[in-house]
Amino acid sequence: MRDDDVLARLRAADPAAGADLARVDRGALDALREGVVRTGRGTAGARRRRLGRRGAVAAVAGALALGGGAAYAGYEQWYVGGAADGLTCLTAWQG
């Protein structure tokens, strides 16, 4: 889901459109509005931490893939023989 803007999704859904707010006390609405205004934006730090963790996991996975590939290539070249013995897919057999 690429649309992570919660407020935009909330505005699009408009859950209060059918609500009758006439019965709600004016003081309660003012207190709610004041609470919303005073609320800090703490989501930027959480997003930065989450990206940091994802980046670390991606770096570890990349290092493991690179190390595994290097180990496999070394094993093939030094212990199994690899292409150092002269046999390749282009070798023509004399028979």
N, C-alpha and C. Protein backbone atom coordinates (compact mmCIF):
# COMPACT_ATOMS: atom_id res chain seq x y z
N MET A 1 0.85 -1.16 0.00
CA MET A 1 0.00 0.00 0.00
C MET A 1 0.90 1.23 0.00
N ARG A 2 0.90 1.97 -1.04
CA ARG A 2 1.77 3.13 -1.18
C ARG A 2 1.14 4.39 -0.61
N ASP A 3 -0.17 4.39 -0.40
CA ASP A 3 -0.85 5.58 0.12
C ASP A 3 -0.86 5.50 1.64
N ASP A 4 0.21 6.00 2.28
CA ASP A 4 0.33 5.92 3.72
C ASP A 4 -0.16 7.18 4.42
N ASP A 5 -0.71 8.14 3.70
CA ASP A 5 -1.18 9.36 4.32
C ASP A 5 -2.53 9.09 4.98
N VAL A 6 -2.50 8.93 6.29
CA VAL A 6 -3.70 8.55 7.03
C VAL A 6 -4.75 9.65 6.98
N LEU A 7 -4.32 10.90 7.10
CA LEU A 7 -5.29 12.00 7.09
C LEU A 7 -6.00 12.12 5.74
N ALA A 8 -5.28 11.91 4.66
CA ALA A 8 -5.92 11.97 3.34
C ALA A 8 -6.95 10.85 3.19
N ARG A 9 -6.62 9.66 3.68
CA ARG A 9 -7.59 8.56 3.62
C ARG A 9 -8.79 8.84 4.51
N LEU A 10 -8.55 9.47 5.67
CA LEU A 10 -9.66 9.80 6.58
C LEU A 10 -10.57 10.86 5.97
N ARG A 11 -9.97 11.86 5.33
CA ARG A 11 -10.79 12.89 4.68
C ARG A 11 -11.60 12.28 3.54
N ALA A 12 -11.02 11.34 2.81
CA ALA A 12 -11.74 10.72 1.70
C ALA A 12 -12.90 9.88 2.22
N ALA A 13 -12.72 9.23 3.35
CA ALA A 13 -13.79 8.40 3.91
C ALA A 13 -14.86 9.26 4.56
N ASP A 14 -14.49 10.39 5.16
CA ASP A 14 -15.38 11.34 5.82
C ASP A 14 -16.37 10.64 6.75
N PRO A 15 -15.85 10.07 7.87
CA PRO A 15 -16.74 9.31 8.76
C PRO A 15 -17.72 10.18 9.54
N ALA A 16 -17.48 11.48 9.62
CA ALA A 16 -18.37 12.34 10.40
C ALA A 16 -19.45 13.00 9.55
N ALA A 17 -19.53 12.66 8.30
CA ALA A 17 -20.49 13.31 7.41
C ALA A 17 -21.93 13.06 7.85
N GLY A 18 -22.23 11.87 8.30
CA GLY A 18 -23.60 11.55 8.69
C GLY A 18 -23.86 11.72 10.18
N ALA A 19 -22.86 12.14 10.94
CA ALA A 19 -23.04 12.27 12.39
C ALA A 19 -23.72 13.58 12.74
N ASP A 20 -24.61 13.49 13.72
CA ASP A 20 -25.29 14.68 14.21
C ASP A 20 -24.52 15.22 15.41
N LEU A 21 -23.75 16.29 15.18
CA LEU A 21 -22.92 16.86 16.23
C LEU A 21 -23.62 17.96 17.01
N ALA A 22 -24.90 18.19 16.73
CA ALA A 22 -25.64 19.24 17.43
C ALA A 22 -25.83 18.90 18.90
N ARG A 23 -25.89 17.61 19.24
CA ARG A 23 -26.11 17.21 20.63
C ARG A 23 -24.82 17.23 21.46
N VAL A 24 -23.68 17.35 20.81
CA VAL A 24 -22.40 17.32 21.52
C VAL A 24 -22.16 18.68 22.18
N ASP A 25 -21.69 18.64 23.41
CA ASP A 25 -21.41 19.85 24.17
C ASP A 25 -20.31 20.65 23.48
N ARG A 26 -20.50 21.96 23.41
CA ARG A 26 -19.53 22.84 22.74
C ARG A 26 -18.17 22.79 23.45
N GLY A 27 -18.17 22.65 24.76
CA GLY A 27 -16.92 22.56 25.52
C GLY A 27 -16.13 21.31 25.17
N ALA A 28 -16.85 20.21 24.92
CA ALA A 28 -16.18 18.96 24.54
C ALA A 28 -15.51 19.10 23.17
N LEU A 29 -16.20 19.76 22.24
CA LEU A 29 -15.61 19.97 20.92
C LEU A 29 -14.38 20.89 20.99
N ASP A 30 -14.47 21.92 21.83
CA ASP A 30 -13.32 22.82 22.00
C ASP A 30 -12.14 22.09 22.63
N ALA A 31 -12.42 21.24 23.62
CA ALA A 31 -11.35 20.46 24.26
C ALA A 31 -10.71 19.49 23.26
N LEU A 32 -11.53 18.88 22.44
CA LEU A 32 -11.02 17.97 21.42
C LEU A 32 -10.15 18.71 20.42
N ARG A 33 -10.62 19.86 19.97
CA ARG A 33 -9.86 20.66 19.01
C ARG A 33 -8.53 21.10 19.63
N GLU A 34 -8.56 21.51 20.89
CA GLU A 34 -7.33 21.94 21.58
C GLU A 34 -6.35 20.77 21.71
N GLY A 35 -6.87 19.60 22.01
CA GLY A 35 -6.00 18.42 22.11
C GLY A 35 -5.35 18.05 20.80
N VAL A 36 -6.09 18.19 19.72
CA VAL A 36 -5.54 17.88 18.40
C VAL A 36 -4.46 18.88 18.02
N VAL A 37 -4.69 20.14 18.33
CA VAL A 37 -3.71 21.18 17.99
C VAL A 37 -2.42 20.99 18.77
N ARG A 38 -2.52 20.59 20.03
CA ARG A 38 -1.34 20.44 20.88
C ARG A 38 -0.60 19.12 20.65
N THR A 39 -1.17 18.22 19.92
CA THR A 39 -0.52 16.93 19.69
C THR A 39 0.68 17.13 18.77
N GLY A 40 1.83 16.59 19.19
CA GLY A 40 3.05 16.70 18.39
C GLY A 40 3.08 15.70 17.25
N ARG A 41 3.94 15.96 16.33
CA ARG A 41 4.09 15.03 15.21
C ARG A 41 5.25 14.08 15.53
N GLY A 42 4.94 12.94 16.06
CA GLY A 42 5.95 11.96 16.44
C GLY A 42 6.15 10.88 15.41
N THR A 43 5.52 10.97 14.27
CA THR A 43 5.63 9.89 13.29
C THR A 43 6.89 9.98 12.46
N ALA A 44 7.53 11.14 12.37
CA ALA A 44 8.74 11.26 11.55
C ALA A 44 9.87 10.44 12.13
N GLY A 45 10.04 10.44 13.44
CA GLY A 45 11.09 9.66 14.08
C GLY A 45 10.86 8.17 13.93
N ALA A 46 9.61 7.75 14.06
CA ALA A 46 9.30 6.32 13.91
C ALA A 46 9.57 5.88 12.48
N ARG A 47 9.25 6.70 11.52
CA ARG A 47 9.50 6.33 10.13
C ARG A 47 11.00 6.25 9.87
N ARG A 48 11.77 7.17 10.43
CA ARG A 48 13.21 7.15 10.24
C ARG A 48 13.80 5.88 10.85
N ARG A 49 13.34 5.49 12.04
CA ARG A 49 13.83 4.27 12.67
C ARG A 49 13.46 3.05 11.85
N ARG A 50 12.24 3.03 11.32
CA ARG A 50 11.80 1.89 10.53
C ARG A 50 12.62 1.75 9.26
N LEU A 51 12.90 2.87 8.61
CA LEU A 51 13.73 2.81 7.41
C LEU A 51 15.14 2.38 7.76
N GLY A 52 15.63 2.78 8.92
CA GLY A 52 16.95 2.37 9.37
C GLY A 52 17.03 0.87 9.58
N ARG A 53 16.01 0.30 10.19
CA ARG A 53 15.98 -1.14 10.40
C ARG A 53 15.88 -1.88 9.08
N ARG A 54 15.05 -1.38 8.19
CA ARG A 54 14.93 -2.03 6.88
C ARG A 54 16.23 -1.94 6.10
N GLY A 55 16.89 -0.79 6.19
CA GLY A 55 18.16 -0.63 5.51
C GLY A 55 19.21 -1.57 6.08
N ALA A 56 19.22 -1.74 7.40
CA ALA A 56 20.18 -2.66 8.02
C ALA A 56 19.90 -4.10 7.61
N VAL A 57 18.65 -4.48 7.57
CA VAL A 57 18.29 -5.84 7.15
C VAL A 57 18.69 -6.06 5.70
N ALA A 58 18.46 -5.07 4.85
CA ALA A 58 18.83 -5.19 3.44
C ALA A 58 20.35 -5.28 3.29
N ALA A 59 21.10 -4.51 4.09
CA ALA A 59 22.56 -4.55 4.01
C ALA A 59 23.08 -5.92 4.45
N VAL A 60 22.52 -6.48 5.51
CA VAL A 60 22.94 -7.80 5.99
C VAL A 60 22.61 -8.86 4.95
N ALA A 61 21.41 -8.79 4.37
CA ALA A 61 21.03 -9.77 3.34
C ALA A 61 21.94 -9.66 2.12
N GLY A 62 22.29 -8.45 1.72
CA GLY A 62 23.21 -8.26 0.60
C GLY A 62 24.59 -8.80 0.90
N ALA A 63 25.08 -8.56 2.12
CA ALA A 63 26.40 -9.07 2.50
C ALA A 63 26.41 -10.60 2.52
N LEU A 64 25.32 -11.19 3.02
CA LEU A 64 25.23 -12.65 3.02
C LEU A 64 25.19 -13.22 1.61
N ALA A 65 24.45 -12.57 0.72
CA ALA A 65 24.39 -13.05 -0.67
C ALA A 65 25.75 -12.91 -1.35
N LEU A 66 26.41 -11.80 -1.12
CA LEU A 66 27.73 -11.59 -1.73
C LEU A 66 28.74 -12.58 -1.17
N GLY A 67 28.75 -12.76 0.14
CA GLY A 67 29.68 -13.72 0.76
C GLY A 67 29.39 -15.14 0.33
N GLY A 68 28.12 -15.51 0.24
CA GLY A 68 27.77 -16.85 -0.21
C GLY A 68 28.18 -17.10 -1.65
N GLY A 69 27.99 -16.10 -2.49
CA GLY A 69 28.40 -16.23 -3.89
C GLY A 69 29.90 -16.35 -4.03
N ALA A 70 30.62 -15.56 -3.24
CA ALA A 70 32.09 -15.64 -3.29
C ALA A 70 32.58 -16.99 -2.78
N ALA A 71 31.96 -17.50 -1.72
CA ALA A 71 32.35 -18.81 -1.18
C ALA A 71 32.06 -19.91 -2.20
N TYR A 72 30.93 -19.85 -2.86
CA TYR A 72 30.59 -20.86 -3.86
C TYR A 72 31.55 -20.79 -5.05
N ALA A 73 31.84 -19.58 -5.49
CA ALA A 73 32.77 -19.44 -6.62
C ALA A 73 34.16 -19.95 -6.24
N GLY A 74 34.61 -19.65 -5.02
CA GLY A 74 35.91 -20.15 -4.58
C GLY A 74 35.93 -21.66 -4.48
N TYR A 75 34.88 -22.24 -3.97
CA TYR A 75 34.79 -23.70 -3.87
C TYR A 75 34.82 -24.33 -5.26
N GLU A 76 34.05 -23.80 -6.17
CA GLU A 76 34.03 -24.32 -7.54
C GLU A 76 35.39 -24.21 -8.21
N GLN A 77 36.08 -23.10 -7.99
CA GLN A 77 37.35 -22.85 -8.67
C GLN A 77 38.47 -23.68 -8.06
N TRP A 78 38.57 -23.74 -6.73
CA TRP A 78 39.73 -24.33 -6.09
C TRP A 78 39.56 -25.80 -5.77
N TYR A 79 38.36 -26.26 -5.44
CA TYR A 79 38.19 -27.64 -5.00
C TYR A 79 37.55 -28.55 -6.04
N VAL A 80 36.62 -28.06 -6.78
CA VAL A 80 35.91 -28.89 -7.76
C VAL A 80 36.61 -28.83 -9.12
N GLY A 81 37.25 -27.76 -9.42
CA GLY A 81 37.95 -27.64 -10.69
C GLY A 81 37.50 -26.45 -11.49
N GLY A 82 36.22 -26.17 -11.49
CA GLY A 82 35.73 -25.01 -12.22
C GLY A 82 36.09 -25.06 -13.69
N ALA A 83 36.37 -23.91 -14.28
CA ALA A 83 36.72 -23.84 -15.69
C ALA A 83 38.23 -23.83 -15.89
N ALA A 84 39.00 -24.03 -14.83
CA ALA A 84 40.46 -23.98 -14.94
C ALA A 84 41.04 -25.21 -15.63
N ASP A 85 40.26 -26.28 -15.78
CA ASP A 85 40.78 -27.50 -16.40
C ASP A 85 40.68 -27.47 -17.92
N GLY A 86 40.18 -26.42 -18.47
CA GLY A 86 40.15 -26.28 -19.92
C GLY A 86 38.85 -26.72 -20.56
N LEU A 87 37.95 -27.34 -19.82
CA LEU A 87 36.68 -27.78 -20.39
C LEU A 87 35.67 -26.66 -20.25
N THR A 88 35.14 -26.22 -21.32
CA THR A 88 34.10 -25.20 -21.31
C THR A 88 32.96 -25.65 -22.21
N CYS A 89 31.96 -24.86 -22.32
CA CYS A 89 30.82 -25.22 -23.16
C CYS A 89 31.19 -25.12 -24.65
N LEU A 90 32.34 -24.51 -24.95
CA LEU A 90 32.77 -24.38 -26.34
C LEU A 90 33.80 -25.43 -26.74
N THR A 91 34.14 -26.33 -25.86
CA THR A 91 35.14 -27.36 -26.15
C THR A 91 34.57 -28.34 -27.16
N ALA A 92 35.36 -28.64 -28.21
CA ALA A 92 34.95 -29.64 -29.22
C ALA A 92 35.65 -30.95 -28.90
N TRP A 93 34.88 -31.99 -28.72
CA TRP A 93 35.44 -33.29 -28.37
C TRP A 93 36.02 -33.94 -29.63
N GLN A 94 37.18 -34.50 -29.47
CA GLN A 94 37.82 -35.26 -30.57
C GLN A 94 37.51 -36.73 -30.35
N GLY A 95 36.87 -37.34 -31.30
CA GLY A 95 36.50 -38.72 -31.02
C GLY A 95 36.60 -39.64 -32.12
